[in-house]
Amino acid sequence: MADIKDRMNNGIDNIADVGKRAADSSGDVISRVADGASQVAEKAQDKFRAIAGTVQDEAQFVADRVSQTARQGMKAAEQVGDRVQEYGQDVAELVKRNPLPSLLIAFGAGFLLSRACRV
């Protein structure tokens, strides 16, 4: 009977040892998984920072290009405005030098436009 008790105790001790080793192993696995997850999170964060930096750089580049294009457009508009003003002054000078032909040309152009709009 003592022999059976000893065997039962030894069996219980063996089961307890196996349970303890299993618990220790699962703790190691959980620790490894946590470390891996932490590393993945750090890498993802680094990638997102890099992407954010790239997006910010590209946005600045686009903003600079838009600003440059706007300046060029304004410069071109000023040049066109200057030319229109020069042409207007030239026409005014021609009208002052030749008032009767200018009046006849204006009358003829108005007559032709009115005929064209009727049709």
C-alpha atoms as a PDB file:
ATOM      1  CA  MET A   1       0.000   0.000   0.000  1.00  0.00           C
ATOM      2  CA  ALA A   2       2.841   2.401   0.774  1.00  0.00           C
ATOM      3  CA  ASP A   3       4.280   1.525  -2.606  1.00  0.00           C
ATOM      4  CA  ILE A   4       1.062   2.565  -4.329  1.00  0.00           C
ATOM      5  CA  LYS A   5       0.961   5.779  -2.312  1.00  0.00           C
ATOM      6  CA  ASP A   6       4.533   6.579  -3.321  1.00  0.00           C
ATOM      7  CA  ARG A   7       3.744   5.883  -6.955  1.00  0.00           C
ATOM      8  CA  MET A   8       0.652   8.102  -6.744  1.00  0.00           C
ATOM      9  CA  ASN A   9       2.656  10.891  -5.123  1.00  0.00           C
ATOM     10  CA  ASN A  10       5.402  10.491  -7.735  1.00  0.00           C
ATOM     11  CA  GLY A  11       2.754  10.601 -10.485  1.00  0.00           C
ATOM     12  CA  ILE A  12       1.231  13.706  -8.979  1.00  0.00           C
ATOM     13  CA  ASP A  13       4.664  15.283  -8.664  1.00  0.00           C
ATOM     14  CA  ASN A  14       5.418  14.384 -12.295  1.00  0.00           C
ATOM     15  CA  ILE A  15       2.125  15.890 -13.445  1.00  0.00           C
ATOM     16  CA  ALA A  16       2.852  19.024 -11.408  1.00  0.00           C
ATOM     17  CA  ASP A  17       6.328  19.258 -12.977  1.00  0.00           C
ATOM     18  CA  VAL A  18       4.866  18.882 -16.476  1.00  0.00           C
ATOM     19  CA  GLY A  19       2.260  21.550 -15.698  1.00  0.00           C
ATOM     20  CA  LYS A  20       4.956  23.891 -14.363  1.00  0.00           C
ATOM     21  CA  ARG A  21       7.140  23.346 -17.459  1.00  0.00           C
ATOM     22  CA  ALA A  22       4.113  23.932 -19.684  1.00  0.00           C
ATOM     23  CA  ALA A  23       3.327  27.154 -17.819  1.00  0.00           C
ATOM     24  CA  ASP A  24       6.957  28.282 -18.117  1.00  0.00           C
ATOM     25  CA  SER A  25       6.982  27.458 -21.832  1.00  0.00           C
ATOM     26  CA  SER A  26       3.729  29.306 -22.426  1.00  0.00           C
ATOM     27  CA  GLY A  27       5.169  32.301 -20.563  1.00  0.00           C
ATOM     28  CA  ASP A  28       8.188  32.220 -22.901  1.00  0.00           C
ATOM     29  CA  VAL A  29       5.930  32.007 -25.933  1.00  0.00           C
ATOM     30  CA  ILE A  30       3.805  34.887 -24.697  1.00  0.00           C
ATOM     31  CA  SER A  31       6.950  36.920 -24.029  1.00  0.00           C
ATOM     32  CA  ARG A  32       8.279  36.181 -27.523  1.00  0.00           C
ATOM     33  CA  VAL A  33       4.956  37.094 -29.108  1.00  0.00           C
ATOM     34  CA  ALA A  34       4.854  40.341 -27.132  1.00  0.00           C
ATOM     35  CA  ASP A  35       8.427  41.176 -28.172  1.00  0.00           C
ATOM     36  CA  GLY A  36       7.610  40.407 -31.808  1.00  0.00           C
ATOM     37  CA  ALA A  37       4.482  42.528 -31.688  1.00  0.00           C
ATOM     38  CA  SER A  38       6.457  45.372 -30.150  1.00  0.00           C
ATOM     39  CA  GLN A  39       9.064  45.154 -32.906  1.00  0.00           C
ATOM     40  CA  VAL A  40       6.383  45.118 -35.595  1.00  0.00           C
ATOM     41  CA  ALA A  41       4.733  48.149 -34.016  1.00  0.00           C
ATOM     42  CA  GLU A  42       8.048  50.034 -33.934  1.00  0.00           C
ATOM     43  CA  LYS A  43       8.779  49.190 -37.577  1.00  0.00           C
ATOM     44  CA  ALA A  44       5.275  50.247 -38.602  1.00  0.00           C
ATOM     45  CA  GLN A  45       5.670  53.504 -36.717  1.00  0.00           C
ATOM     46  CA  ASP A  46       9.005  54.161 -38.443  1.00  0.00           C
ATOM     47  CA  LYS A  47       7.441  53.437 -41.851  1.00  0.00           C
ATOM     48  CA  PHE A  48       4.507  55.746 -41.136  1.00  0.00           C
ATOM     49  CA  ARG A  49       6.894  58.516 -40.091  1.00  0.00           C
ATOM     50  CA  ALA A  50       8.897  58.038 -43.284  1.00  0.00           C
ATOM     51  CA  ILE A  51       5.731  58.096 -45.384  1.00  0.00           C
ATOM     52  CA  ALA A  52       4.478  61.192 -43.582  1.00  0.00           C
ATOM     53  CA  GLY A  53       7.804  62.917 -44.243  1.00  0.00           C
ATOM     54  CA  THR A  54       7.649  61.997 -47.919  1.00  0.00           C
ATOM     55  CA  VAL A  55       4.057  63.216 -48.226  1.00  0.00           C
ATOM     56  CA  GLN A  56       4.992  66.473 -46.535  1.00  0.00           C
ATOM     57  CA  ASP A  57       7.957  66.938 -48.903  1.00  0.00           C
ATOM     58  CA  GLU A  58       5.771  66.243 -51.941  1.00  0.00           C
ATOM     59  CA  ALA A  59       3.093  68.632 -50.693  1.00  0.00           C
ATOM     60  CA  GLN A  60       5.713  71.370 -50.274  1.00  0.00           C
ATOM     61  CA  PHE A  61       7.027  70.667 -53.787  1.00  0.00           C
ATOM     62  CA  VAL A  62       3.516  70.943 -55.247  1.00  0.00           C
ATOM     63  CA  ALA A  63       2.843  74.141 -53.299  1.00  0.00           C
ATOM     64  CA  ASP A  64       6.084  75.649 -54.592  1.00  0.00           C
ATOM     65  CA  ARG A  65       5.231  74.698 -58.172  1.00  0.00           C
ATOM     66  CA  VAL A  66       1.717  76.155 -57.875  1.00  0.00           C
ATOM     67  CA  SER A  67       3.135  79.361 -56.439  1.00  0.00           C
ATOM     68  CA  GLN A  68       5.706  79.589 -59.229  1.00  0.00           C
ATOM     69  CA  THR A  69       3.038  78.972 -61.884  1.00  0.00           C
ATOM     70  CA  ALA A  70       0.774  81.604 -60.304  1.00  0.00           C
ATOM     71  CA  ARG A  71       3.610  84.151 -60.382  1.00  0.00           C
ATOM     72  CA  GLN A  72       4.290  83.352 -64.040  1.00  0.00           C
ATOM     73  CA  GLY A  73       0.567  83.697 -64.828  1.00  0.00           C
ATOM     74  CA  MET A  74       0.385  87.060 -63.085  1.00  0.00           C
ATOM     75  CA  LYS A  75       3.461  88.263 -64.954  1.00  0.00           C
ATOM     76  CA  ALA A  76       1.940  87.154 -68.284  1.00  0.00           C
ATOM     77  CA  ALA A  77      -1.357  88.870 -67.393  1.00  0.00           C
ATOM     78  CA  GLU A  78       0.509  92.101 -66.601  1.00  0.00           C
ATOM     79  CA  GLN A  79       2.306  91.909 -69.953  1.00  0.00           C
ATOM     80  CA  VAL A  80      -0.989  91.362 -71.795  1.00  0.00           C
ATOM     81  CA  GLY A  81      -2.532  94.254 -69.888  1.00  0.00           C
ATOM     82  CA  ASP A  82       0.399  96.499 -70.817  1.00  0.00           C
ATOM     83  CA  ARG A  83       0.057  95.526 -74.502  1.00  0.00           C
ATOM     84  CA  VAL A  84      -3.694  96.158 -74.473  1.00  0.00           C
ATOM     85  CA  GLN A  85      -3.089  99.555 -72.930  1.00  0.00           C
ATOM     86  CA  GLU A  86      -0.450 100.355 -75.585  1.00  0.00           C
ATOM     87  CA  TYR A  87      -2.819  99.257 -78.367  1.00  0.00           C
ATOM     88  CA  GLY A  88      -5.588 101.375 -76.854  1.00  0.00           C
ATOM     89  CA  GLN A  89      -3.284 104.393 -76.800  1.00  0.00           C
ATOM     90  CA  ASP A  90      -2.264 103.709 -80.409  1.00  0.00           C
ATOM     91  CA  VAL A  91      -5.923 103.513 -81.495  1.00  0.00           C
ATOM     92  CA  ALA A  92      -6.736 106.718 -79.603  1.00  0.00           C
ATOM     93  CA  GLU A  93      -3.819 108.456 -81.326  1.00  0.00           C
ATOM     94  CA  LEU A  94      -5.002 107.210 -84.750  1.00  0.00           C
ATOM     95  CA  VAL A  95      -8.525 108.462 -84.055  1.00  0.00           C
ATOM     96  CA  LYS A  96      -7.151 111.888 -83.051  1.00  0.00           C
ATOM     97  CA  ARG A  97      -5.067 112.097 -86.227  1.00  0.00           C
ATOM     98  CA  ASN A  98      -7.831 110.803 -88.535  1.00  0.00           C
ATOM     99  CA  PRO A  99     -11.229 111.500 -86.956  1.00  0.00           C
ATOM    100  CA  LEU A 100     -13.434 111.283 -90.074  1.00  0.00           C
ATOM    101  CA  PRO A 101     -12.091 107.929 -91.394  1.00  0.00           C
ATOM    102  CA  SER A 102     -12.264 106.533 -87.870  1.00  0.00           C
ATOM    103  CA  LEU A 103     -15.885 107.593 -87.575  1.00  0.00           C
ATOM    104  CA  LEU A 104     -16.749 106.028 -90.934  1.00  0.00           C
ATOM    105  CA  ILE A 105     -14.958 102.786 -90.027  1.00  0.00           C
ATOM    106  CA  ALA A 106     -16.801 102.620 -86.677  1.00  0.00           C
ATOM    107  CA  PHE A 107     -20.135 103.291 -88.429  1.00  0.00           C
ATOM    108  CA  GLY A 108     -19.450 100.596 -91.034  1.00  0.00           C
ATOM    109  CA  ALA A 109     -18.398  98.062 -88.420  1.00  0.00           C
ATOM    110  CA  GLY A 110     -21.528  98.793 -86.372  1.00  0.00           C
ATOM    111  CA  PHE A 111     -23.727  98.466 -89.468  1.00  0.00           C
ATOM    112  CA  LEU A 112     -22.162  95.103 -90.374  1.00  0.00           C
ATOM    113  CA  LEU A 113     -22.537  93.811 -86.833  1.00  0.00           C
ATOM    114  CA  SER A 114     -26.183  94.816 -86.704  1.00  0.00           C
ATOM    115  CA  ARG A 115     -26.857  93.043 -90.007  1.00  0.00           C
ATOM    116  CA  ALA A 116     -25.029  89.933 -88.794  1.00  0.00           C
ATOM    117  CA  CYS A 117     -27.004  89.830 -85.543  1.00  0.00           C
ATOM    118  CA  ARG A 118     -30.375  90.016 -87.350  1.00  0.00           C
ATOM    119  CA  VAL A 119     -29.837  86.822 -89.253  1.00  0.00           C
END
